[in-house]
């Protein structure tokens, strides 16, 4: 269903540019905001504001504007999309909040507990705009920038979860997303923002293969293939154990979580793979060409503190121990010389440390 909407995309990386191309291709007005500096790419896009997707998808269009002025980007935007790594959420939220207006729809891609953080910062700033907050469980594509105006999509997802708070707006937001991605990615409803936060499969897919291949990655970071070289049959079994622990803890908290392997098959196509190792080496895998993650890549520095730590703390609040996840955080902390338990996304930083589990779930709907 076509809606009369305008979009602002806050971010300029792989995912942000891909979203801009996707939105523009559907004929919607979209402005891209560059949050960092006026790079050569930025200046080229200002001069010629067009972005295309190639590879698994072939589409694109002309952007309404490319700017470094966030007020200019957000003015008149019905949908404000934050498409950046989770470590950039807080600084962008602080820049964004003064320019929010009633009726805007904020979508964070992917969520990573962003809804709680945004509301906390809004409370602290005394801002009480009537907005919706949505989160997706992941990016809709595995993609990389291949030119200032081109993003290569290795493989798009077939289906992707999204949740909206207040829940009464979820159907509207999902309709808009499904129109933007019509024929490419289907957005399906999740129960709550918290369910999205706890169903991020990076929890399972990223930290363990890095930690268990630490030396090999250190010596061959430019050519090491995280999924193909890093996920062996034995490591796949350990990942499965970590994922089972996550899903069981989710059930104990009161969340219906989906197993990692089931989600991958939903994303990229089902087959008879019995485990993660078999799937990432199968014909449906989008991972064969993905290289270049170092021992201090976002697979640890983002996913351990931003995805694993808050889930560990949430489970602890419910009286549930997660020995495998706790081991992962502890080992990552030791190898990086950083206490991710305290520096990560704690419940205090999300403003929910004094909430009961039921209140946390309810506040995410």
Protein backbone atom coordinates (compact mmCIF):
# COMPACT_ATOMS: atom_id res chain seq x y z
CA UNK A 1 0.00 0.00 0.00
CA UNK A 2 1.45 3.35 -1.06
CA UNK A 3 1.67 6.04 1.63
CA UNK A 4 2.58 9.70 1.22
CA UNK A 5 5.81 9.74 3.23
CA UNK A 6 9.15 11.48 3.22
CA UNK A 7 12.29 9.94 4.65
CA UNK A 8 15.50 11.02 6.35
CA UNK A 9 18.34 8.49 6.60
CA UNK A 10 20.79 9.35 9.37
CA UNK A 11 24.09 7.73 8.42
CA UNK A 12 26.24 7.36 5.33
CA UNK A 13 27.79 3.90 5.55
CA UNK A 14 27.06 0.67 3.68
CA UNK A 15 23.58 0.16 5.05
CA UNK A 16 22.55 3.82 5.04
CA UNK A 17 23.39 4.29 1.37
CA UNK A 18 21.64 1.04 0.49
CA UNK A 19 18.48 2.21 2.26
CA UNK A 20 18.65 5.55 0.42
CA UNK A 21 18.81 3.73 -2.92
CA UNK A 22 15.94 1.44 -1.94
CA UNK A 23 13.69 4.31 -0.84
CA UNK A 24 14.52 6.50 -3.84
CA UNK A 25 13.85 3.62 -6.23
CA UNK A 26 10.26 3.49 -4.97
CA UNK A 27 9.77 7.17 -5.72
CA UNK A 28 9.80 8.42 -2.14
CA UNK A 29 11.61 11.61 -1.15
CA UNK A 30 14.72 10.72 0.87
CA UNK A 31 17.50 12.83 2.36
CA UNK A 32 20.81 11.35 3.53
CA UNK A 33 22.55 12.94 6.51
CA UNK A 34 26.34 12.60 6.77
CA UNK A 35 27.19 12.47 10.49
CA UNK A 36 30.99 12.71 10.41
CA UNK A 37 32.85 14.73 7.79
CA UNK A 38 32.67 16.09 4.27
CA UNK A 39 34.52 13.25 2.57
CA UNK A 40 35.15 13.00 -1.17
CA UNK A 41 32.20 10.61 -1.38
CA UNK A 42 29.97 13.14 0.38
CA UNK A 43 30.95 15.93 -1.99
CA UNK A 44 30.37 13.71 -5.02
CA UNK A 45 26.92 12.75 -3.74
CA UNK A 46 26.05 16.39 -3.12
CA UNK A 47 26.97 17.13 -6.74
CA UNK A 48 25.12 14.07 -8.05
CA UNK A 49 22.70 12.69 -5.43
CA UNK A 50 22.00 9.31 -6.96
CA UNK A 51 22.70 5.87 -5.45
CA UNK A 52 22.29 2.42 -6.98
CA UNK A 53 22.32 -1.13 -5.69
CA UNK A 54 24.02 -3.83 -7.74
CA UNK A 55 24.75 -7.51 -7.26
CA UNK A 56 21.81 -9.45 -5.85
CA UNK A 57 19.63 -6.39 -6.52
CA UNK A 58 19.66 -3.84 -9.33
CA UNK A 59 17.78 -0.65 -8.54
CA UNK A 60 18.30 2.90 -7.39
CA UNK A 61 17.17 6.47 -7.70
CA UNK A 62 17.78 10.13 -7.04
CA UNK A 63 17.92 11.47 -3.49
CA UNK A 64 16.11 14.69 -2.57
CA UNK A 65 19.13 15.96 -0.64
CA UNK A 66 22.52 15.04 0.84
CA UNK A 67 23.48 17.19 3.81
CA UNK A 68 25.54 17.49 6.98
CA UNK A 69 22.81 19.59 8.66
CA UNK A 70 20.64 17.29 10.74
CA UNK A 71 17.86 19.87 11.12
CA UNK A 72 17.71 20.14 7.33
CA UNK A 73 17.58 16.38 6.96
CA UNK A 74 14.82 15.86 9.53
CA UNK A 75 12.60 18.82 8.64
CA UNK A 76 9.39 17.48 7.15
CA UNK A 77 10.50 13.83 7.38
CA UNK A 78 7.76 11.40 8.31
CA UNK A 79 10.25 8.58 8.83
CA UNK A 80 13.66 9.08 10.43
CA UNK A 81 15.89 6.04 9.84
CA UNK A 82 19.01 5.55 11.96
CA UNK A 83 21.26 3.18 10.01
CA UNK A 84 24.58 3.15 11.86
CA UNK A 85 26.53 0.77 14.14
CA UNK A 86 25.07 0.69 17.65
CA UNK A 87 28.07 2.50 19.20
CA UNK A 88 26.93 5.57 17.24
CA UNK A 89 23.34 5.46 18.49
CA UNK A 90 23.77 7.67 21.54
CA UNK A 91 25.66 10.56 19.87
CA UNK A 92 23.21 10.56 16.96
CA UNK A 93 20.21 10.42 19.30
CA UNK A 94 21.52 13.47 21.16
CA UNK A 95 21.86 15.39 17.90
CA UNK A 96 18.49 14.16 16.64
CA UNK A 97 16.28 14.74 19.68
CA UNK A 98 16.08 18.57 19.51
CA UNK A 99 14.68 18.29 15.97
CA UNK A 100 12.03 15.63 16.62
CA UNK A 101 8.41 16.61 16.08
CA UNK A 102 5.13 14.95 17.03
CA UNK A 103 4.04 12.27 14.60
CA UNK A 104 7.47 11.25 13.36
CA UNK A 105 8.40 7.58 13.09
CA UNK A 106 11.92 6.66 14.16
CA UNK A 107 13.27 3.36 12.79
CA UNK A 108 16.60 1.98 14.06
CA UNK A 109 18.38 -0.55 11.83
CA UNK A 110 19.28 -2.83 13.54
CA UNK A 111 17.78 -2.17 16.97
CA UNK A 112 20.35 -3.35 19.53
CA UNK A 113 18.33 -2.01 22.50
CA UNK A 114 18.07 1.42 20.87
CA UNK A 115 14.46 2.00 21.91
CA UNK A 116 15.28 1.94 25.61
CA UNK A 117 18.33 4.16 25.10
CA UNK A 118 16.43 6.72 23.01
CA UNK A 119 13.63 7.03 25.54
CA UNK A 120 16.12 7.45 28.39
CA UNK A 121 17.96 10.25 26.57
CA UNK A 122 14.65 11.92 25.71
CA UNK A 123 13.59 11.81 29.38
CA UNK A 124 16.91 13.28 30.49
CA UNK A 125 16.60 16.05 27.88
CA UNK A 126 13.02 16.82 28.89
CA UNK A 127 11.73 16.00 25.40
CA UNK A 128 8.31 14.34 25.25
CA UNK A 129 7.48 14.22 21.56
CA UNK A 130 4.77 11.78 20.47
CA UNK A 131 6.77 9.57 18.16
CA UNK A 132 6.90 5.90 17.30
CA UNK A 133 10.09 3.88 17.72
CA UNK A 134 10.69 0.83 15.57
CA UNK A 135 13.58 -1.60 15.40
CA UNK A 136 14.57 -4.23 12.89
CA UNK A 137 16.38 -7.39 13.93
CA UNK A 138 19.07 -6.97 11.28
CA UNK A 139 20.05 -5.19 8.09
CA UNK A 140 17.94 -6.20 5.08
CA UNK A 141 21.07 -7.03 3.08
CA UNK A 142 24.63 -8.21 3.35
CA UNK A 143 26.23 -5.31 1.45
CA UNK A 144 29.32 -3.15 0.97
CA UNK A 145 29.96 0.26 -0.62
CA UNK A 146 31.70 -0.33 -3.97
CA UNK A 147 31.70 3.26 -5.22
CA UNK A 148 30.54 6.64 -3.95
CA UNK A 149 27.15 6.11 -5.62
CA UNK A 150 27.02 2.30 -5.64
CA UNK A 151 26.43 -0.38 -3.00
CA UNK A 152 27.01 -4.03 -3.84
CA UNK A 153 24.42 -6.35 -2.30
CA UNK A 154 25.89 -9.80 -1.77
CA UNK A 155 22.50 -11.17 -0.85
CA UNK A 156 19.23 -9.69 0.34
CA UNK A 157 17.15 -11.18 3.10
CA UNK A 158 13.79 -12.66 2.16
CA UNK A 159 12.04 -11.86 5.45
CA UNK A 160 12.97 -9.61 8.35
CA UNK A 161 11.42 -8.97 11.75
CA UNK A 162 10.35 -5.48 12.82
CA UNK A 163 8.67 -4.21 15.99
CA UNK A 164 7.09 -0.85 16.77
CA UNK A 165 6.27 0.94 20.01
CA UNK A 166 3.51 1.95 20.62
CA UNK A 167 2.30 -1.37 19.25
CA UNK A 168 -0.87 0.24 17.85
CA UNK A 169 1.26 1.81 15.09
CA UNK A 170 3.02 -1.41 14.14
CA UNK A 171 0.77 -2.25 11.19
CA UNK A 172 1.21 1.22 9.66
CA UNK A 173 5.01 1.18 9.97
CA UNK A 174 5.19 -2.34 8.59
CA UNK A 175 2.98 -1.37 5.62
CA UNK A 176 5.35 1.47 4.74
CA UNK A 177 8.45 -0.72 5.04
CA UNK A 178 6.83 -3.43 2.93
CA UNK A 179 5.98 -0.92 0.22
CA UNK A 180 9.56 0.41 0.17
CA UNK A 181 10.93 -3.14 -0.12
CA UNK A 182 8.08 -4.61 -2.17
CA UNK A 183 9.28 -7.58 -4.21
CA UNK A 184 12.57 -7.81 -2.32
CA UNK A 185 12.24 -8.09 1.48
CA UNK A 186 9.10 -8.90 3.48
CA UNK A 187 8.84 -7.29 6.92
CA UNK A 188 7.05 -9.43 9.49
CA UNK A 189 5.78 -8.45 12.92
CA UNK A 190 7.63 -9.13 16.15
CA UNK A 191 5.99 -8.96 19.58
CA UNK A 192 8.03 -6.09 21.03
CA UNK A 193 11.22 -4.08 20.78
CA UNK A 194 12.71 -6.31 23.47
CA UNK A 195 12.01 -9.42 21.39
CA UNK A 196 13.84 -7.78 18.49
CA UNK A 197 16.76 -6.87 20.77
CA UNK A 198 17.11 -10.41 22.07
CA UNK A 199 16.66 -12.10 18.67
CA UNK A 200 19.71 -10.49 17.09
CA UNK A 201 21.57 -13.47 15.62
CA UNK A 202 24.88 -11.58 15.73
CA UNK A 203 24.83 -12.76 19.37
CA UNK A 204 25.44 -16.28 18.06
CA UNK A 205 27.13 -15.73 14.70
CA UNK A 206 29.90 -13.27 15.56
CA UNK A 207 31.77 -13.45 18.90
CA UNK A 208 32.60 -17.16 19.29
CA UNK A 209 34.19 -17.70 15.85
CA UNK A 210 36.43 -14.68 16.45
CA UNK A 211 37.43 -15.73 19.96
CA UNK A 212 38.10 -19.34 18.93
CA UNK A 213 40.17 -18.27 15.89
CA UNK A 214 41.92 -15.34 17.53
CA UNK A 215 45.48 -16.19 16.43
CA UNK A 216 44.53 -17.12 12.87
CA UNK A 217 42.60 -13.88 12.44
CA UNK A 218 45.45 -11.83 13.93
CA UNK A 219 47.89 -13.28 11.36
CA UNK A 220 45.53 -13.18 8.36
CA UNK A 221 42.96 -10.48 9.07
CA UNK A 222 42.78 -9.24 5.47
CA UNK A 223 41.96 -12.64 3.99
CA UNK A 224 40.31 -14.53 6.87
CA UNK A 225 36.71 -15.40 6.03
CA UNK A 226 34.75 -15.22 9.27
CA UNK A 227 31.98 -17.60 8.22
CA UNK A 228 33.80 -19.92 5.84
CA UNK A 229 37.17 -20.23 7.62
CA UNK A 230 36.01 -19.41 11.13
CA UNK A 231 32.95 -21.64 11.52
CA UNK A 232 34.12 -25.25 11.63
CA UNK A 233 31.93 -28.21 12.60
CA UNK A 234 33.17 -28.10 16.21
CA UNK A 235 32.84 -24.32 16.51
CA UNK A 236 29.36 -24.60 15.00
CA UNK A 237 28.43 -26.97 17.84
CA UNK A 238 29.65 -24.48 20.44
CA UNK A 239 27.64 -21.74 18.71
CA UNK A 240 24.58 -23.96 18.82
CA UNK A 241 25.03 -24.42 22.57
CA UNK A 242 25.28 -20.66 23.06
CA UNK A 243 22.14 -20.16 20.98
CA UNK A 244 20.17 -22.82 22.87
CA UNK A 245 21.14 -21.05 26.08
CA UNK A 246 19.83 -17.75 24.64
CA UNK A 247 16.49 -19.15 23.49
CA UNK A 248 15.88 -20.97 26.79
CA UNK A 249 16.70 -17.84 28.76
CA UNK A 250 14.33 -15.86 26.55
CA UNK A 251 11.55 -18.30 27.39
CA UNK A 252 12.32 -17.91 31.09
CA UNK A 253 12.10 -14.14 30.74
CA UNK A 254 8.81 -14.37 28.85
CA UNK A 255 9.99 -13.90 25.26
CA UNK A 256 9.41 -16.13 22.24
CA UNK A 257 12.81 -16.18 20.57
CA UNK A 258 13.76 -17.89 17.32
CA UNK A 259 16.78 -20.15 16.96
CA UNK A 260 19.70 -18.74 14.97
CA UNK A 261 19.64 -21.44 12.27
CA UNK A 262 15.90 -20.96 11.79
CA UNK A 263 16.41 -17.22 11.36
CA UNK A 264 19.21 -17.65 8.81
CA UNK A 265 16.98 -19.93 6.75
CA UNK A 266 14.15 -17.39 7.01
CA UNK A 267 16.54 -14.66 5.85
CA UNK A 268 18.28 -16.33 2.93
CA UNK A 269 16.25 -19.40 1.98
CA UNK A 270 15.53 -22.72 3.59
CA UNK A 271 17.40 -25.94 2.87
CA UNK A 272 18.20 -29.20 4.66
CA UNK A 273 21.29 -27.88 6.53
CA UNK A 274 21.33 -29.40 10.01
CA UNK A 275 23.55 -26.77 11.64
CA UNK A 276 25.15 -23.37 11.12
CA UNK A 277 28.31 -24.89 9.62
CA UNK A 278 26.35 -26.67 6.91
CA UNK A 279 24.26 -23.62 6.14
CA UNK A 280 27.09 -21.10 5.76
CA UNK A 281 28.78 -23.51 3.34
CA UNK A 282 25.57 -24.15 1.38
CA UNK A 283 24.29 -22.61 -1.83
CA UNK A 284 22.01 -20.25 0.09
CA UNK A 285 24.89 -18.71 2.04
CA UNK A 286 25.67 -15.02 1.41
CA UNK A 287 28.96 -15.27 3.25
CA UNK A 288 31.55 -16.66 0.83
CA UNK A 289 33.05 -13.32 -0.19
CA UNK A 290 32.98 -11.57 3.20
CA UNK A 291 36.55 -11.03 4.45
CA UNK A 292 38.57 -8.58 6.49
CA UNK A 293 37.32 -8.74 10.09
CA UNK A 294 40.17 -8.19 12.56
CA UNK A 295 40.50 -9.35 16.16
CA UNK A 296 39.15 -5.94 17.20
CA UNK A 297 36.38 -5.73 14.65
CA UNK A 298 32.75 -4.90 15.39
CA UNK A 299 32.09 -8.64 15.68
CA UNK A 300 33.54 -8.24 19.16
CA UNK A 301 33.65 -4.51 19.93
CA UNK A 302 29.99 -3.96 18.99
CA UNK A 303 28.29 -7.31 19.47
CA UNK A 304 29.78 -8.34 22.81
CA UNK A 305 29.09 -5.10 24.73
CA UNK A 306 26.00 -4.12 22.73
CA UNK A 307 24.17 -7.42 22.22
CA UNK A 308 25.52 -10.08 24.61
CA UNK A 309 26.07 -7.95 27.74
CA UNK A 310 22.52 -6.53 28.00
CA UNK A 311 21.02 -9.97 27.45
CA UNK A 312 23.23 -11.42 30.19
CA UNK A 313 22.11 -8.66 32.56
CA UNK A 314 18.46 -9.07 31.61
CA UNK A 315 18.65 -12.80 32.29
CA UNK A 316 20.42 -12.18 35.60
CA UNK A 317 17.57 -9.88 36.65
CA UNK A 318 15.24 -12.82 36.03
CA UNK A 319 17.51 -15.13 38.05
CA UNK A 320 18.82 -16.97 34.98
CA UNK A 321 22.54 -17.70 34.56
CA UNK A 322 24.12 -17.77 31.10
CA UNK A 323 27.49 -19.48 31.63
CA UNK A 324 28.44 -19.64 27.93
CA UNK A 325 27.54 -16.01 27.24
CA UNK A 326 29.31 -14.93 30.42
CA UNK A 327 32.41 -16.86 29.28
CA UNK A 328 32.28 -15.08 25.91
CA UNK A 329 32.11 -11.65 27.56
CA UNK A 330 34.88 -12.56 29.99
CA UNK A 331 37.22 -13.92 27.31
CA UNK A 332 36.60 -10.95 25.01
CA UNK A 333 37.29 -8.61 27.93
CA UNK A 334 40.54 -10.43 28.75
CA UNK A 335 41.80 -10.50 25.16
CA UNK A 336 40.94 -6.84 24.51
CA UNK A 337 41.96 -5.54 27.92
CA UNK A 338 38.50 -4.00 28.36
CA UNK A 339 35.85 -4.77 30.96
CA UNK A 340 32.91 -5.23 28.62
CA UNK A 341 30.66 -6.17 31.55
CA UNK A 342 30.87 -2.59 32.85
CA UNK A 343 31.60 -0.64 29.66
CA UNK A 344 28.90 -2.36 27.62
CA UNK A 345 25.21 -1.63 27.24
CA UNK A 346 24.19 -2.14 30.86
CA UNK A 347 20.63 -1.91 32.14
CA UNK A 348 21.66 1.30 33.89
CA UNK A 349 22.68 2.85 30.57
CA UNK A 350 19.30 1.85 29.17
CA UNK A 351 17.49 3.38 32.14
CA UNK A 352 15.72 0.14 33.09
CA UNK A 353 17.84 -1.12 35.99
CA UNK A 354 15.01 -0.53 38.47
CA UNK A 355 12.26 -2.01 36.28
CA UNK A 356 10.84 -5.47 36.85
CA UNK A 357 11.09 -7.95 33.98
CA UNK A 358 7.37 -7.51 33.30
CA UNK A 359 7.74 -3.73 33.24
CA UNK A 360 10.72 -3.96 30.86
CA UNK A 361 8.71 -6.13 28.45
CA UNK A 362 5.62 -3.90 28.72
CA UNK A 363 7.62 -0.72 28.16
CA UNK A 364 8.99 -2.16 24.91
CA UNK A 365 5.52 -2.61 23.39
